[in-house]
Amino acid sequence: MLTIGLTGGIGSGKSAAADCFRALGVDVVDADWAARVVVQPGQPALAKIAEHFGAGALLENGELDRTQLRRLVFDDAGEREWLEGLLHPLIREEIVQALEASRSAYGILESPLLIESGQFKLVDRICVVDLPEALQVERASGRDRSDPGQIRKIMGAQLSRAERLAKADDVLDNSGDLAGLRAQVEALHQQYLELLDKD
């Protein structure tokens, strides 16, 4: 089956693009969903995180405190590497199972860290949702009501715009409105179906 990796930096509009593909009947596997599954209460990964970072990494109800964990790892490359080493193989396993269960003509893996995490090895093509970095900061901080400085820190931990574009087979320009993005997705959808016909 043809699998497309859909990626882009924070605030790029990956989720909006994924929704456009879903509206066309394409099965989308969300890597963020897989990342949430592997740290649910009762999962071995959550116990290891609590053991490593202490009880402060958990909320009172026993769930992962994502905000606190983000603070702990974004300022410490060593801690981030430890966490990624624990979670990435588990997330990959969830993603593979979900992609194998896909029933549409082709499947999409939506992942903010598609390239950084090595998940690009699971896909046949990489589609990058792109926009100027200033607009990215504006949209991300507006959506999450986050401090623009915090957004830039997250962007700094991700691939640069140039590095991401260098890996792209296809690019969706999301500097305009939703209608413009939808039109581009529809055109790409036709291209992907044509690729399947050639096989």
N, C-alpha and C. Protein backbone atom coordinates (compact mmCIF):
# COMPACT_ATOMS: atom_id res chain seq x y z
N MET A 1 0.84 -1.20 0.00
CA MET A 1 0.00 0.00 0.00
C MET A 1 0.88 1.26 0.00
N LEU A 2 0.46 2.27 -0.73
CA LEU A 2 1.16 3.55 -0.75
C LEU A 2 0.89 4.28 0.57
N THR A 3 1.96 4.70 1.23
CA THR A 3 1.81 5.46 2.48
C THR A 3 2.53 6.79 2.34
N ILE A 4 1.79 7.85 2.65
CA ILE A 4 2.33 9.22 2.57
C ILE A 4 2.59 9.72 3.99
N GLY A 5 3.78 10.27 4.20
CA GLY A 5 4.08 10.91 5.48
C GLY A 5 3.75 12.38 5.39
N LEU A 6 2.86 12.85 6.26
CA LEU A 6 2.44 14.25 6.26
C LEU A 6 3.08 14.93 7.47
N THR A 7 3.89 15.96 7.22
CA THR A 7 4.59 16.60 8.33
C THR A 7 4.69 18.11 8.12
N GLY A 8 5.17 18.78 9.15
CA GLY A 8 5.32 20.23 9.13
C GLY A 8 5.60 20.67 10.55
N GLY A 9 6.16 21.83 10.72
CA GLY A 9 6.47 22.33 12.06
C GLY A 9 5.21 22.70 12.83
N ILE A 10 5.41 23.04 14.10
CA ILE A 10 4.29 23.48 14.95
C ILE A 10 3.59 24.67 14.28
N GLY A 11 2.25 24.64 14.28
CA GLY A 11 1.48 25.75 13.71
C GLY A 11 1.45 25.80 12.20
N SER A 12 1.96 24.75 11.53
CA SER A 12 2.01 24.77 10.06
C SER A 12 0.66 24.45 9.41
N GLY A 13 -0.21 23.75 10.16
CA GLY A 13 -1.50 23.37 9.60
C GLY A 13 -1.58 21.92 9.17
N LYS A 14 -0.72 21.08 9.78
CA LYS A 14 -0.75 19.64 9.48
C LYS A 14 -2.12 19.05 9.72
N SER A 15 -2.71 19.39 10.87
CA SER A 15 -4.02 18.81 11.23
C SER A 15 -5.10 19.22 10.24
N ALA A 16 -5.05 20.48 9.80
CA ALA A 16 -6.03 20.96 8.81
C ALA A 16 -5.86 20.19 7.50
N ALA A 17 -4.61 19.97 7.09
CA ALA A 17 -4.34 19.22 5.86
C ALA A 17 -4.83 17.77 6.01
N ALA A 18 -4.55 17.18 7.18
CA ALA A 18 -4.99 15.80 7.44
C ALA A 18 -6.51 15.70 7.36
N ASP A 19 -7.20 16.70 7.91
CA ASP A 19 -8.68 16.71 7.85
C ASP A 19 -9.17 16.78 6.41
N CYS A 20 -8.45 17.53 5.56
CA CYS A 20 -8.82 17.61 4.14
C CYS A 20 -8.69 16.23 3.47
N PHE A 21 -7.61 15.51 3.81
CA PHE A 21 -7.44 14.16 3.26
C PHE A 21 -8.53 13.22 3.78
N ARG A 22 -8.86 13.33 5.08
CA ARG A 22 -9.92 12.49 5.66
C ARG A 22 -11.24 12.74 4.93
N ALA A 23 -11.52 14.00 4.60
CA ALA A 23 -12.77 14.35 3.91
C ALA A 23 -12.85 13.69 2.54
N LEU A 24 -11.69 13.32 1.98
CA LEU A 24 -11.64 12.64 0.68
C LEU A 24 -11.66 11.12 0.84
N GLY A 25 -11.85 10.65 2.09
CA GLY A 25 -11.96 9.21 2.34
C GLY A 25 -10.64 8.51 2.59
N VAL A 26 -9.59 9.28 2.88
CA VAL A 26 -8.27 8.68 3.11
C VAL A 26 -8.09 8.42 4.61
N ASP A 27 -7.61 7.22 4.93
CA ASP A 27 -7.33 6.88 6.33
C ASP A 27 -6.05 7.59 6.77
N VAL A 28 -6.15 8.31 7.90
CA VAL A 28 -5.00 9.04 8.44
C VAL A 28 -4.66 8.48 9.82
N VAL A 29 -3.42 8.10 9.99
CA VAL A 29 -2.92 7.66 11.30
C VAL A 29 -2.15 8.83 11.89
N ASP A 30 -2.54 9.25 13.09
CA ASP A 30 -1.94 10.41 13.74
C ASP A 30 -0.87 9.94 14.73
N ALA A 31 0.38 10.31 14.49
CA ALA A 31 1.47 9.89 15.38
C ALA A 31 1.27 10.45 16.79
N ASP A 32 0.64 11.62 16.91
CA ASP A 32 0.36 12.19 18.24
C ASP A 32 -0.61 11.30 19.01
N TRP A 33 -1.59 10.72 18.29
CA TRP A 33 -2.53 9.77 18.91
C TRP A 33 -1.74 8.57 19.44
N ALA A 34 -0.84 8.03 18.62
CA ALA A 34 -0.04 6.88 19.03
C ALA A 34 0.82 7.25 20.24
N ALA A 35 1.34 8.48 20.25
CA ALA A 35 2.17 8.93 21.38
C ALA A 35 1.36 9.02 22.67
N ARG A 36 0.07 9.35 22.55
CA ARG A 36 -0.80 9.41 23.74
C ARG A 36 -1.14 8.01 24.24
N VAL A 37 -1.36 7.08 23.30
CA VAL A 37 -1.73 5.71 23.66
C VAL A 37 -0.64 5.06 24.52
N VAL A 38 0.62 5.24 24.13
CA VAL A 38 1.71 4.51 24.81
C VAL A 38 2.02 5.05 26.22
N VAL A 39 1.47 6.23 26.57
CA VAL A 39 1.72 6.76 27.93
C VAL A 39 0.44 6.84 28.76
N GLN A 40 -0.58 6.07 28.37
CA GLN A 40 -1.80 6.04 29.17
C GLN A 40 -1.52 5.33 30.50
N PRO A 41 -2.31 5.66 31.53
CA PRO A 41 -2.14 4.95 32.81
C PRO A 41 -2.23 3.43 32.60
N GLY A 42 -1.33 2.72 33.26
CA GLY A 42 -1.30 1.26 33.11
C GLY A 42 -0.29 0.79 32.07
N GLN A 43 0.17 1.70 31.21
CA GLN A 43 1.17 1.33 30.21
C GLN A 43 2.57 1.36 30.85
N PRO A 44 3.44 0.40 30.49
CA PRO A 44 4.78 0.35 31.09
C PRO A 44 5.57 1.65 30.92
N ALA A 45 5.39 2.33 29.77
CA ALA A 45 6.16 3.56 29.52
C ALA A 45 5.86 4.64 30.56
N LEU A 46 4.61 4.73 31.00
CA LEU A 46 4.25 5.77 31.98
C LEU A 46 4.96 5.52 33.30
N ALA A 47 5.02 4.25 33.71
CA ALA A 47 5.71 3.90 34.96
C ALA A 47 7.19 4.26 34.86
N LYS A 48 7.80 4.01 33.70
CA LYS A 48 9.23 4.32 33.52
C LYS A 48 9.47 5.84 33.56
N ILE A 49 8.55 6.61 32.99
CA ILE A 49 8.67 8.07 33.00
C ILE A 49 8.59 8.60 34.44
N ALA A 50 7.62 8.06 35.21
CA ALA A 50 7.45 8.49 36.60
C ALA A 50 8.68 8.12 37.43
N GLU A 51 9.24 6.94 37.15
CA GLU A 51 10.43 6.48 37.87
C GLU A 51 11.64 7.38 37.55
N HIS A 52 11.76 7.77 36.29
CA HIS A 52 12.91 8.56 35.84
C HIS A 52 12.81 10.03 36.28
N PHE A 53 11.63 10.64 36.06
CA PHE A 53 11.48 12.08 36.32
C PHE A 53 10.87 12.39 37.69
N GLY A 54 10.35 11.37 38.34
CA GLY A 54 9.70 11.59 39.63
C GLY A 54 8.20 11.79 39.47
N ALA A 55 7.49 11.77 40.61
CA ALA A 55 6.03 11.87 40.60
C ALA A 55 5.53 13.19 40.02
N GLY A 56 6.41 14.21 39.97
CA GLY A 56 6.03 15.51 39.42
C GLY A 56 5.68 15.45 37.95
N ALA A 57 6.06 14.36 37.29
CA ALA A 57 5.73 14.21 35.86
C ALA A 57 4.31 13.72 35.65
N LEU A 58 3.61 13.41 36.76
CA LEU A 58 2.23 12.92 36.67
C LEU A 58 1.26 13.93 37.26
N LEU A 59 0.03 13.90 36.73
CA LEU A 59 -1.05 14.70 37.30
C LEU A 59 -1.61 13.93 38.51
N GLU A 60 -2.47 14.59 39.29
CA GLU A 60 -3.05 13.94 40.48
C GLU A 60 -3.83 12.68 40.14
N ASN A 61 -4.43 12.66 38.93
CA ASN A 61 -5.24 11.48 38.53
C ASN A 61 -4.39 10.34 37.97
N GLY A 62 -3.05 10.51 37.98
CA GLY A 62 -2.18 9.44 37.52
C GLY A 62 -1.81 9.52 36.05
N GLU A 63 -2.40 10.49 35.33
CA GLU A 63 -2.06 10.65 33.92
C GLU A 63 -0.77 11.47 33.78
N LEU A 64 -0.17 11.40 32.59
CA LEU A 64 1.05 12.14 32.31
C LEU A 64 0.77 13.65 32.32
N ASP A 65 1.62 14.41 33.00
CA ASP A 65 1.53 15.87 32.97
C ASP A 65 2.39 16.36 31.80
N ARG A 66 1.76 16.50 30.64
CA ARG A 66 2.49 16.84 29.41
C ARG A 66 3.20 18.19 29.51
N THR A 67 2.55 19.16 30.13
CA THR A 67 3.14 20.50 30.24
C THR A 67 4.43 20.44 31.06
N GLN A 68 4.36 19.73 32.18
CA GLN A 68 5.54 19.61 33.05
C GLN A 68 6.64 18.82 32.34
N LEU A 69 6.27 17.73 31.65
CA LEU A 69 7.26 16.91 30.96
C LEU A 69 7.95 17.72 29.86
N ARG A 70 7.16 18.53 29.15
CA ARG A 70 7.71 19.38 28.09
C ARG A 70 8.77 20.31 28.67
N ARG A 71 8.46 20.89 29.83
CA ARG A 71 9.43 21.80 30.49
C ARG A 71 10.72 21.05 30.85
N LEU A 72 10.56 19.83 31.34
CA LEU A 72 11.72 19.05 31.77
C LEU A 72 12.64 18.66 30.62
N VAL A 73 12.05 18.37 29.45
CA VAL A 73 12.89 17.86 28.36
C VAL A 73 13.32 18.91 27.34
N PHE A 74 12.56 19.98 27.16
CA PHE A 74 12.94 20.94 26.13
C PHE A 74 14.20 21.71 26.48
N ASP A 75 14.50 21.83 27.76
CA ASP A 75 15.70 22.56 28.16
C ASP A 75 16.89 21.63 28.38
N ASP A 76 16.71 20.34 28.17
CA ASP A 76 17.77 19.38 28.46
C ASP A 76 17.83 18.31 27.36
N ALA A 77 18.81 18.45 26.47
CA ALA A 77 18.91 17.53 25.33
C ALA A 77 19.07 16.08 25.77
N GLY A 78 19.82 15.86 26.87
CA GLY A 78 20.03 14.50 27.37
C GLY A 78 18.72 13.84 27.81
N GLU A 79 17.90 14.62 28.53
CA GLU A 79 16.61 14.09 29.00
C GLU A 79 15.67 13.84 27.82
N ARG A 80 15.73 14.74 26.83
CA ARG A 80 14.87 14.56 25.64
C ARG A 80 15.26 13.28 24.91
N GLU A 81 16.57 13.03 24.80
CA GLU A 81 17.04 11.81 24.13
C GLU A 81 16.60 10.57 24.89
N TRP A 82 16.67 10.63 26.23
CA TRP A 82 16.23 9.48 27.04
C TRP A 82 14.75 9.18 26.77
N LEU A 83 13.94 10.25 26.78
CA LEU A 83 12.49 10.08 26.58
C LEU A 83 12.19 9.54 25.18
N GLU A 84 12.86 10.10 24.18
CA GLU A 84 12.64 9.64 22.80
C GLU A 84 13.07 8.18 22.63
N GLY A 85 14.17 7.80 23.30
CA GLY A 85 14.64 6.42 23.23
C GLY A 85 13.63 5.44 23.80
N LEU A 86 12.92 5.88 24.83
CA LEU A 86 11.86 5.05 25.43
C LEU A 86 10.62 4.99 24.55
N LEU A 87 10.17 6.17 24.09
CA LEU A 87 8.86 6.25 23.44
C LEU A 87 8.84 5.95 21.95
N HIS A 88 9.87 6.35 21.21
CA HIS A 88 9.81 6.21 19.75
C HIS A 88 9.57 4.77 19.27
N PRO A 89 10.24 3.75 19.84
CA PRO A 89 9.95 2.38 19.37
C PRO A 89 8.51 1.96 19.65
N LEU A 90 7.97 2.38 20.81
CA LEU A 90 6.58 2.02 21.17
C LEU A 90 5.58 2.73 20.25
N ILE A 91 5.86 4.00 19.96
CA ILE A 91 4.99 4.78 19.07
C ILE A 91 5.01 4.17 17.67
N ARG A 92 6.20 3.78 17.22
CA ARG A 92 6.35 3.17 15.90
C ARG A 92 5.49 1.90 15.78
N GLU A 93 5.51 1.09 16.84
CA GLU A 93 4.72 -0.15 16.86
C GLU A 93 3.22 0.14 16.69
N GLU A 94 2.73 1.14 17.44
CA GLU A 94 1.31 1.53 17.34
C GLU A 94 0.97 2.00 15.92
N ILE A 95 1.88 2.82 15.35
CA ILE A 95 1.66 3.38 14.01
C ILE A 95 1.60 2.27 12.97
N VAL A 96 2.53 1.34 13.04
CA VAL A 96 2.58 0.24 12.06
C VAL A 96 1.27 -0.56 12.10
N GLN A 97 0.80 -0.87 13.31
CA GLN A 97 -0.46 -1.62 13.44
C GLN A 97 -1.63 -0.85 12.83
N ALA A 98 -1.68 0.45 13.09
CA ALA A 98 -2.78 1.27 12.57
C ALA A 98 -2.72 1.39 11.05
N LEU A 99 -1.51 1.56 10.50
CA LEU A 99 -1.36 1.65 9.03
C LEU A 99 -1.76 0.34 8.37
N GLU A 100 -1.40 -0.78 9.00
CA GLU A 100 -1.75 -2.09 8.43
C GLU A 100 -3.26 -2.31 8.43
N ALA A 101 -3.96 -1.65 9.36
CA ALA A 101 -5.42 -1.80 9.43
C ALA A 101 -6.15 -0.85 8.47
N SER A 102 -5.40 0.04 7.82
CA SER A 102 -5.99 1.03 6.92
C SER A 102 -6.67 0.35 5.73
N ARG A 103 -7.80 0.91 5.29
CA ARG A 103 -8.57 0.30 4.20
C ARG A 103 -8.77 1.24 3.00
N SER A 104 -8.21 2.45 3.05
CA SER A 104 -8.39 3.38 1.93
C SER A 104 -7.37 3.07 0.82
N ALA A 105 -7.51 3.73 -0.33
CA ALA A 105 -6.64 3.46 -1.49
C ALA A 105 -5.16 3.66 -1.12
N TYR A 106 -4.87 4.67 -0.34
CA TYR A 106 -3.53 4.89 0.20
C TYR A 106 -3.71 5.42 1.62
N GLY A 107 -2.67 5.35 2.41
CA GLY A 107 -2.77 5.80 3.80
C GLY A 107 -1.85 6.98 4.06
N ILE A 108 -2.18 7.71 5.13
CA ILE A 108 -1.35 8.86 5.52
C ILE A 108 -0.92 8.70 6.97
N LEU A 109 0.36 8.96 7.20
CA LEU A 109 0.88 9.05 8.56
C LEU A 109 1.14 10.53 8.84
N GLU A 110 0.35 11.10 9.73
CA GLU A 110 0.51 12.51 10.12
C GLU A 110 1.43 12.57 11.33
N SER A 111 2.59 13.21 11.17
CA SER A 111 3.56 13.23 12.27
C SER A 111 4.39 14.51 12.27
N PRO A 112 4.39 15.23 13.40
CA PRO A 112 5.20 16.45 13.47
C PRO A 112 6.70 16.14 13.42
N LEU A 113 7.08 14.94 13.89
CA LEU A 113 8.50 14.56 13.94
C LEU A 113 8.79 13.40 12.99
N LEU A 114 8.12 13.40 11.87
CA LEU A 114 8.26 12.31 10.89
C LEU A 114 9.72 12.05 10.54
N ILE A 115 10.45 13.13 10.26
CA ILE A 115 11.84 13.00 9.81
C ILE A 115 12.77 12.80 11.01
N GLU A 116 12.60 13.64 12.05
CA GLU A 116 13.47 13.57 13.22
C GLU A 116 13.41 12.22 13.93
N SER A 117 12.21 11.62 13.98
CA SER A 117 12.02 10.37 14.75
C SER A 117 12.38 9.12 13.96
N GLY A 118 12.63 9.28 12.65
CA GLY A 118 12.88 8.11 11.81
C GLY A 118 11.61 7.47 11.27
N GLN A 119 10.44 8.05 11.59
CA GLN A 119 9.17 7.50 11.10
C GLN A 119 9.06 7.60 9.58
N PHE A 120 9.88 8.46 8.95
CA PHE A 120 9.85 8.57 7.49
C PHE A 120 10.19 7.23 6.83
N LYS A 121 10.85 6.33 7.56
CA LYS A 121 11.18 5.01 7.00
C LYS A 121 9.93 4.16 6.80
N LEU A 122 8.81 4.57 7.41
CA LEU A 122 7.56 3.83 7.29
C LEU A 122 6.73 4.28 6.08
N VAL A 123 7.18 5.33 5.38
CA VAL A 123 6.37 5.91 4.31
C VAL A 123 7.09 5.86 2.96
N ASP A 124 6.30 6.01 1.89
CA ASP A 124 6.84 6.00 0.52
C ASP A 124 7.16 7.40 0.01
N ARG A 125 6.41 8.39 0.50
CA ARG A 125 6.61 9.79 0.08
C ARG A 125 6.43 10.69 1.29
N ILE A 126 7.11 11.85 1.25
CA ILE A 126 6.98 12.83 2.32
C ILE A 126 6.30 14.08 1.77
N CYS A 127 5.21 14.46 2.42
CA CYS A 127 4.48 15.68 2.06
C CYS A 127 4.64 16.68 3.22
N VAL A 128 5.22 17.84 2.92
CA VAL A 128 5.46 18.86 3.94
C VAL A 128 4.44 19.98 3.82
N VAL A 129 3.81 20.31 4.95
CA VAL A 129 2.93 21.49 5.01
C VAL A 129 3.83 22.65 5.41
N ASP A 130 3.89 23.66 4.55
CA ASP A 130 4.88 24.72 4.71
C ASP A 130 4.25 26.10 4.76
N LEU A 131 4.89 27.00 5.50
CA LEU A 131 4.51 28.42 5.53
C LEU A 131 5.68 29.19 6.12
N PRO A 132 5.74 30.50 5.91
CA PRO A 132 6.85 31.30 6.48
C PRO A 132 6.88 31.18 8.00
N GLU A 133 8.08 31.20 8.57
CA GLU A 133 8.24 30.97 10.01
C GLU A 133 7.52 32.02 10.87
N ALA A 134 7.49 33.26 10.43
CA ALA A 134 6.81 34.31 11.21
C ALA A 134 5.31 33.99 11.32
N LEU A 135 4.74 33.50 10.22
CA LEU A 135 3.31 33.14 10.21
C LEU A 135 3.09 31.89 11.07
N GLN A 136 4.05 30.99 11.05
CA GLN A 136 4.00 29.78 11.88
C GLN A 136 3.91 30.15 13.36
N VAL A 137 4.77 31.07 13.80
CA VAL A 137 4.79 31.51 15.20
C VAL A 137 3.45 32.18 15.55
N GLU A 138 2.99 33.03 14.65
CA GLU A 138 1.73 33.76 14.87
C GLU A 138 0.55 32.79 15.03
N ARG A 139 0.45 31.79 14.13
CA ARG A 139 -0.66 30.83 14.19
C ARG A 139 -0.56 29.92 15.40
N ALA A 140 0.65 29.43 15.68
CA ALA A 140 0.82 28.51 16.81
C ALA A 140 0.55 29.20 18.14
N SER A 141 1.05 30.44 18.30
CA SER A 141 0.83 31.13 19.57
C SER A 141 -0.63 31.55 19.71
N GLY A 142 -1.29 31.89 18.60
CA GLY A 142 -2.71 32.23 18.64
C GLY A 142 -3.58 31.03 18.98
N ARG A 143 -3.24 29.88 18.41
CA ARG A 143 -4.02 28.64 18.61
C ARG A 143 -3.88 28.14 20.04
N ASP A 144 -2.63 28.09 20.53
CA ASP A 144 -2.37 27.50 21.85
C ASP A 144 -2.34 28.54 22.97
N ARG A 145 -2.51 29.83 22.60
CA ARG A 145 -2.36 30.94 23.55
C ARG A 145 -1.02 30.82 24.27
N SER A 146 0.00 30.41 23.52
CA SER A 146 1.34 30.23 24.09
C SER A 146 2.19 31.46 23.82
N ASP A 147 3.20 31.60 24.64
CA ASP A 147 4.18 32.67 24.47
C ASP A 147 4.96 32.43 23.18
N PRO A 148 5.09 33.42 22.30
CA PRO A 148 5.86 33.24 21.06
C PRO A 148 7.28 32.71 21.30
N GLY A 149 7.88 33.09 22.44
CA GLY A 149 9.22 32.60 22.78
C GLY A 149 9.23 31.09 22.97
N GLN A 150 8.17 30.57 23.63
CA GLN A 150 8.04 29.12 23.85
C GLN A 150 7.85 28.40 22.50
N ILE A 151 7.06 29.01 21.60
CA ILE A 151 6.83 28.43 20.27
C ILE A 151 8.16 28.36 19.51
N ARG A 152 8.95 29.44 19.60
CA ARG A 152 10.25 29.45 18.90
C ARG A 152 11.19 28.38 19.48
N LYS A 153 11.08 28.13 20.79
CA LYS A 153 11.91 27.10 21.43
C LYS A 153 11.53 25.72 20.87
N ILE A 154 10.22 25.48 20.73
CA ILE A 154 9.75 24.21 20.16
C ILE A 154 10.23 24.09 18.71
N MET A 155 10.12 25.18 17.96
CA MET A 155 10.59 25.18 16.57
C MET A 155 12.08 24.87 16.50
N GLY A 156 12.83 25.38 17.49
CA GLY A 156 14.27 25.14 17.53
C GLY A 156 14.63 23.69 17.75
N ALA A 157 13.71 22.94 18.41
CA ALA A 157 13.94 21.51 18.67
C ALA A 157 13.53 20.66 17.47
N GLN A 158 12.78 21.27 16.54
CA GLN A 158 12.36 20.55 15.32
C GLN A 158 13.34 20.87 14.20
N LEU A 159 13.21 20.15 13.09
CA LEU A 159 14.03 20.46 11.91
C LEU A 159 13.75 21.88 11.45
N SER A 160 14.73 22.50 10.83
CA SER A 160 14.50 23.83 10.27
C SER A 160 13.59 23.71 9.04
N ARG A 161 13.01 24.83 8.67
CA ARG A 161 12.13 24.85 7.49
C ARG A 161 12.90 24.35 6.25
N ALA A 162 14.12 24.82 6.07
CA ALA A 162 14.93 24.44 4.90
C ALA A 162 15.23 22.95 4.89
N GLU A 163 15.57 22.40 6.06
CA GLU A 163 15.87 20.96 6.15
C GLU A 163 14.63 20.11 5.83
N ARG A 164 13.48 20.56 6.32
CA ARG A 164 12.24 19.83 6.08
C ARG A 164 11.90 19.85 4.59
N LEU A 165 12.00 21.03 3.99
CA LEU A 165 11.67 21.16 2.56
C LEU A 165 12.63 20.34 1.69
N ALA A 166 13.87 20.21 2.13
CA ALA A 166 14.86 19.44 1.37
C ALA A 166 14.48 17.95 1.31
N LYS A 167 13.71 17.48 2.29
CA LYS A 167 13.31 16.07 2.35
C LYS A 167 11.96 15.82 1.66
N ALA A 168 11.29 16.89 1.26
CA ALA A 168 9.91 16.76 0.75
C ALA A 168 9.84 16.21 -0.67
N ASP A 169 8.89 15.30 -0.89
CA ASP A 169 8.51 14.89 -2.24
C ASP A 169 7.40 15.80 -2.75
N ASP A 170 6.56 16.25 -1.82
CA ASP A 170 5.42 17.12 -2.15
C ASP A 170 5.33 18.21 -1.09
N VAL A 171 4.89 19.41 -1.50
CA VAL A 171 4.76 20.53 -0.55
C VAL A 171 3.37 21.14 -0.68
N LEU A 172 2.73 21.34 0.48
CA LEU A 172 1.45 22.06 0.55
C LEU A 172 1.76 23.44 1.13
N ASP A 173 1.50 24.48 0.37
CA ASP A 173 1.75 25.85 0.83
C ASP A 173 0.54 26.32 1.63
N ASN A 174 0.71 26.46 2.96
CA ASN A 174 -0.40 26.84 3.81
C ASN A 174 -0.29 28.29 4.29
N SER A 175 0.26 29.16 3.44
CA SER A 175 0.35 30.56 3.83
C SER A 175 -0.95 31.31 3.55
N GLY A 176 -1.88 30.64 2.84
CA GLY A 176 -3.17 31.26 2.53
C GLY A 176 -4.27 30.77 3.44
N ASP A 177 -5.49 30.64 2.87
CA ASP A 177 -6.64 30.23 3.69
C ASP A 177 -6.94 28.74 3.52
N LEU A 178 -7.95 28.28 4.26
CA LEU A 178 -8.30 26.87 4.27
C LEU A 178 -8.77 26.39 2.89
N ALA A 179 -9.48 27.24 2.17
CA ALA A 179 -9.96 26.86 0.83
C ALA A 179 -8.77 26.59 -0.09
N GLY A 180 -7.73 27.41 0.03
CA GLY A 180 -6.52 27.22 -0.79
C GLY A 180 -5.81 25.92 -0.44
N LEU A 181 -5.76 25.61 0.85
CA LEU A 181 -5.14 24.36 1.30
C LEU A 181 -5.93 23.16 0.78
N ARG A 182 -7.26 23.27 0.89
CA ARG A 182 -8.14 22.17 0.45
C ARG A 182 -7.95 21.89 -1.04
N ALA A 183 -7.84 22.94 -1.85
CA ALA A 183 -7.65 22.77 -3.30
C ALA A 183 -6.33 22.05 -3.59
N GLN A 184 -5.28 22.41 -2.86
CA GLN A 184 -3.99 21.74 -3.05
C GLN A 184 -4.05 20.27 -2.65
N VAL A 185 -4.75 19.98 -1.55
CA VAL A 185 -4.90 18.59 -1.10
C VAL A 185 -5.65 17.78 -2.14
N GLU A 186 -6.70 18.36 -2.70
CA GLU A 186 -7.48 17.64 -3.73
C GLU A 186 -6.62 17.31 -4.95
N ALA A 187 -5.75 18.25 -5.34
CA ALA A 187 -4.85 18.02 -6.48
C ALA A 187 -3.84 16.91 -6.14
N LEU A 188 -3.29 16.94 -4.93
CA LEU A 188 -2.34 15.91 -4.52
C LEU A 188 -3.02 14.54 -4.44
N HIS A 189 -4.23 14.53 -3.94
CA HIS A 189 -5.01 13.29 -3.84
C HIS A 189 -5.11 12.62 -5.21
N GLN A 190 -5.40 13.41 -6.24
CA GLN A 190 -5.46 12.87 -7.60
C GLN A 190 -4.11 12.33 -8.04
N GLN A 191 -3.05 13.04 -7.72
CA GLN A 191 -1.69 12.57 -8.07
C GLN A 191 -1.38 11.24 -7.40
N TYR A 192 -1.77 11.11 -6.13
CA TYR A 192 -1.50 9.87 -5.41
C TYR A 192 -2.31 8.70 -6.01
N LEU A 193 -3.54 8.98 -6.39
CA LEU A 193 -4.35 7.92 -7.04
C LEU A 193 -3.73 7.52 -8.37
N GLU A 194 -3.19 8.49 -9.10
CA GLU A 194 -2.52 8.19 -10.39
C GLU A 194 -1.27 7.35 -10.16
N LEU A 195 -0.54 7.63 -9.08
CA LEU A 195 0.64 6.83 -8.74
C LEU A 195 0.25 5.37 -8.51
N LEU A 196 -0.88 5.19 -7.83
CA LEU A 196 -1.37 3.84 -7.56
C LEU A 196 -1.73 3.12 -8.86
N ASP A 197 -2.33 3.86 -9.80
CA ASP A 197 -2.72 3.26 -11.10
C ASP A 197 -1.50 2.80 -11.87
N LYS A 198 -0.39 3.56 -11.72
CA LYS A 198 0.84 3.19 -12.43
C LYS A 198 1.43 1.89 -11.89
N ASP A 199 1.20 1.65 -10.59
CA ASP A 199 1.68 0.39 -9.99
C ASP A 199 0.80 -0.75 -10.45
